Amino acid sequence: EISPPAVLMLASQNIVIILCGNKKDLDADREVTFLEASRFAQENELMFLETSALTGENVEEAFVQCARKILNKIESGELDPERMGSGIQYGDAALRQLRSPRRAQAQSPQECVC
């Protein structure tokens, strides 16, 4: 039986966690079925992907999905990078002025500087 990670009980309710089933390339040797893992992820409100470090399958996608979910939470107001203790922050001081990167692009199209 798989038990929920302790981090779910200790972390912020806005935490973003992705469960990665590794070694997808060794399907014949698997110990947990896709169905078991995806059910566990769903029951614990986790994102889930099967990955392979050997082939690179879904490795980048895991980071992209995680980042996309964090960005959606920022845009919806669930997460505020300006609030201490939110667990996230802008890396570049210039980015702190951008509250909603997607909306800012939609309202004022960028000019090409090629």
C-alpha atoms as a PDB file:
ATOM      1  CA  GLU A   1       0.000   0.000   0.000  1.00  0.00           C
ATOM      2  CA  ILE A   2       1.194   3.489  -0.862  1.00  0.00           C
ATOM      3  CA  SER A   3       0.744   6.128   1.846  1.00  0.00           C
ATOM      4  CA  PRO A   4       0.482   9.892   1.232  1.00  0.00           C
ATOM      5  CA  PRO A   5       3.753  11.797   1.481  1.00  0.00           C
ATOM      6  CA  ALA A   6       4.293  13.622   4.772  1.00  0.00           C
ATOM      7  CA  VAL A   7       4.870  16.802   2.788  1.00  0.00           C
ATOM      8  CA  LEU A   8       1.136  16.906   2.013  1.00  0.00           C
ATOM      9  CA  MET A   9       0.379  17.232   5.724  1.00  0.00           C
ATOM     10  CA  LEU A  10       3.094  19.794   6.439  1.00  0.00           C
ATOM     11  CA  ALA A  11       3.135  21.998   3.336  1.00  0.00           C
ATOM     12  CA  SER A  12       1.064  24.939   2.196  1.00  0.00           C
ATOM     13  CA  GLN A  13      -2.310  24.088   0.693  1.00  0.00           C
ATOM     14  CA  ASN A  14      -1.109  25.730  -2.532  1.00  0.00           C
ATOM     15  CA  ILE A  15       1.893  23.428  -2.990  1.00  0.00           C
ATOM     16  CA  VAL A  16       2.370  21.989  -6.452  1.00  0.00           C
ATOM     17  CA  ILE A  17       3.585  18.388  -6.501  1.00  0.00           C
ATOM     18  CA  ILE A  18       4.098  16.117  -9.455  1.00  0.00           C
ATOM     19  CA  LEU A  19       4.478  12.392  -8.936  1.00  0.00           C
ATOM     20  CA  CYS A  20       6.917  10.969 -11.476  1.00  0.00           C
ATOM     21  CA  GLY A  21       6.916   7.250 -12.102  1.00  0.00           C
ATOM     22  CA  ASN A  22      10.470   6.718 -13.325  1.00  0.00           C
ATOM     23  CA  LYS A  23      11.961   3.973 -15.498  1.00  0.00           C
ATOM     24  CA  LYS A  24       9.066   3.992 -17.950  1.00  0.00           C
ATOM     25  CA  ASP A  25      11.447   2.293 -20.376  1.00  0.00           C
ATOM     26  CA  LEU A  26      11.471  -0.806 -18.106  1.00  0.00           C
ATOM     27  CA  ASP A  27       7.742  -1.494 -18.368  1.00  0.00           C
ATOM     28  CA  ALA A  28       8.177  -5.280 -17.947  1.00  0.00           C
ATOM     29  CA  ASP A  29       9.856  -4.796 -14.545  1.00  0.00           C
ATOM     30  CA  ARG A  30       7.319  -2.411 -13.050  1.00  0.00           C
ATOM     31  CA  GLU A  31       6.172  -2.852  -9.450  1.00  0.00           C
ATOM     32  CA  VAL A  32       3.333  -0.310  -9.481  1.00  0.00           C
ATOM     33  CA  THR A  33       0.793  -0.294 -12.290  1.00  0.00           C
ATOM     34  CA  PHE A  34      -0.083   2.885 -14.134  1.00  0.00           C
ATOM     35  CA  LEU A  35      -3.614   2.617 -12.741  1.00  0.00           C
ATOM     36  CA  GLU A  36      -2.402   2.311  -9.119  1.00  0.00           C
ATOM     37  CA  ALA A  37      -0.092   5.293  -9.479  1.00  0.00           C
ATOM     38  CA  SER A  38      -2.627   7.487 -11.250  1.00  0.00           C
ATOM     39  CA  ARG A  39      -5.297   6.631  -8.657  1.00  0.00           C
ATOM     40  CA  PHE A  40      -2.883   7.500  -5.845  1.00  0.00           C
ATOM     41  CA  ALA A  41      -2.051  10.797  -7.543  1.00  0.00           C
ATOM     42  CA  GLN A  42      -5.712  11.643  -8.045  1.00  0.00           C
ATOM     43  CA  GLU A  43      -6.658  10.750  -4.436  1.00  0.00           C
ATOM     44  CA  ASN A  44      -3.855  12.986  -3.142  1.00  0.00           C
ATOM     45  CA  GLU A  45      -4.409  15.801  -5.665  1.00  0.00           C
ATOM     46  CA  LEU A  46      -1.018  15.304  -7.298  1.00  0.00           C
ATOM     47  CA  MET A  47      -0.095  15.627 -10.940  1.00  0.00           C
ATOM     48  CA  PHE A  48       1.225  12.384 -12.405  1.00  0.00           C
ATOM     49  CA  LEU A  49       3.524  11.467 -15.271  1.00  0.00           C
ATOM     50  CA  GLU A  50       5.508   8.392 -16.106  1.00  0.00           C
ATOM     51  CA  THR A  51       9.048   9.302 -17.094  1.00  0.00           C
ATOM     52  CA  SER A  52      12.258   7.736 -18.303  1.00  0.00           C
ATOM     53  CA  ALA A  53      15.596   9.250 -17.417  1.00  0.00           C
ATOM     54  CA  LEU A  54      17.215   6.876 -19.900  1.00  0.00           C
ATOM     55  CA  THR A  55      15.190   8.008 -22.934  1.00  0.00           C
ATOM     56  CA  GLY A  56      14.280  11.455 -21.594  1.00  0.00           C
ATOM     57  CA  GLU A  57      10.571  10.757 -22.117  1.00  0.00           C
ATOM     58  CA  ASN A  58       8.392  13.211 -20.165  1.00  0.00           C
ATOM     59  CA  VAL A  59      11.331  14.543 -18.117  1.00  0.00           C
ATOM     60  CA  GLU A  60      11.082  18.079 -19.482  1.00  0.00           C
ATOM     61  CA  GLU A  61       7.275  17.794 -19.582  1.00  0.00           C
ATOM     62  CA  ALA A  62       7.240  17.227 -15.809  1.00  0.00           C
ATOM     63  CA  PHE A  63       8.944  20.587 -15.234  1.00  0.00           C
ATOM     64  CA  VAL A  64       6.764  22.325 -17.828  1.00  0.00           C
ATOM     65  CA  GLN A  65       3.533  21.040 -16.277  1.00  0.00           C
ATOM     66  CA  CYS A  66       4.677  22.005 -12.792  1.00  0.00           C
ATOM     67  CA  ALA A  67       5.669  25.512 -13.907  1.00  0.00           C
ATOM     68  CA  ARG A  68       2.407  25.920 -15.829  1.00  0.00           C
ATOM     69  CA  LYS A  69       0.372  24.978 -12.747  1.00  0.00           C
ATOM     70  CA  ILE A  70       2.328  27.448 -10.590  1.00  0.00           C
ATOM     71  CA  LEU A  71       1.791  30.199 -13.172  1.00  0.00           C
ATOM     72  CA  ASN A  72      -1.950  29.434 -13.272  1.00  0.00           C
ATOM     73  CA  LYS A  73      -2.087  29.723  -9.481  1.00  0.00           C
ATOM     74  CA  ILE A  74      -0.301  33.089  -9.652  1.00  0.00           C
ATOM     75  CA  GLU A  75      -2.662  34.363 -12.341  1.00  0.00           C
ATOM     76  CA  SER A  76      -5.752  33.205 -10.428  1.00  0.00           C
ATOM     77  CA  GLY A  77      -4.496  34.874  -7.225  1.00  0.00           C
ATOM     78  CA  GLU A  78      -4.054  31.615  -5.275  1.00  0.00           C
ATOM     79  CA  LEU A  79      -0.314  32.316  -5.018  1.00  0.00           C
ATOM     80  CA  ASP A  80       1.287  35.712  -4.534  1.00  0.00           C
ATOM     81  CA  PRO A  81       5.047  35.874  -5.186  1.00  0.00           C
ATOM     82  CA  GLU A  82       5.144  39.199  -3.326  1.00  0.00           C
ATOM     83  CA  ARG A  83       3.904  37.596  -0.078  1.00  0.00           C
ATOM     84  CA  MET A  84       6.554  36.296   2.300  1.00  0.00           C
ATOM     85  CA  GLY A  85       6.145  32.601   2.940  1.00  0.00           C
ATOM     86  CA  SER A  86       4.346  31.915  -0.335  1.00  0.00           C
ATOM     87  CA  GLY A  87       7.143  29.544  -1.308  1.00  0.00           C
ATOM     88  CA  ILE A  88       7.802  31.299  -4.612  1.00  0.00           C
ATOM     89  CA  GLN A  89       9.442  34.494  -5.723  1.00  0.00           C
ATOM     90  CA  TYR A  90      10.446  36.226  -8.907  1.00  0.00           C
ATOM     91  CA  GLY A  91      14.089  35.597  -9.776  1.00  0.00           C
ATOM     92  CA  ASP A  92      14.766  38.852 -11.612  1.00  0.00           C
ATOM     93  CA  ALA A  93      13.845  42.211 -10.066  1.00  0.00           C
ATOM     94  CA  ALA A  94      12.487  43.392 -13.442  1.00  0.00           C
ATOM     95  CA  LEU A  95       9.988  40.525 -13.441  1.00  0.00           C
ATOM     96  CA  ARG A  96       8.440  41.653 -10.161  1.00  0.00           C
ATOM     97  CA  GLN A  97       6.538  44.320 -12.051  1.00  0.00           C
ATOM     98  CA  LEU A  98       4.811  41.709 -14.203  1.00  0.00           C
ATOM     99  CA  ARG A  99       1.749  40.580 -12.295  1.00  0.00           C
ATOM    100  CA  SER A 100       0.330  38.456 -15.108  1.00  0.00           C
ATOM    101  CA  PRO A 101       2.743  37.654 -17.950  1.00  0.00           C
ATOM    102  CA  ARG A 102       0.047  36.163 -20.205  1.00  0.00           C
ATOM    103  CA  ARG A 103      -2.356  39.086 -19.822  1.00  0.00           C
ATOM    104  CA  ALA A 104       0.431  41.638 -20.276  1.00  0.00           C
ATOM    105  CA  GLN A 105       1.371  40.068 -23.617  1.00  0.00           C
ATOM    106  CA  ALA A 106      -2.248  39.950 -24.767  1.00  0.00           C
ATOM    107  CA  GLN A 107      -2.846  43.633 -23.944  1.00  0.00           C
ATOM    108  CA  SER A 108       0.316  45.053 -25.467  1.00  0.00           C
ATOM    109  CA  PRO A 109       1.958  42.984 -28.188  1.00  0.00           C
ATOM    110  CA  GLN A 110       5.737  42.941 -28.077  1.00  0.00           C
ATOM    111  CA  GLU A 111       7.589  44.584 -30.925  1.00  0.00           C
ATOM    112  CA  CYS A 112      10.225  42.526 -32.653  1.00  0.00           C
ATOM    113  CA  VAL A 113      13.731  43.676 -31.761  1.00  0.00           C
ATOM    114  CA  CYS A 114      15.519  41.423 -34.247  1.00  0.00           C
END
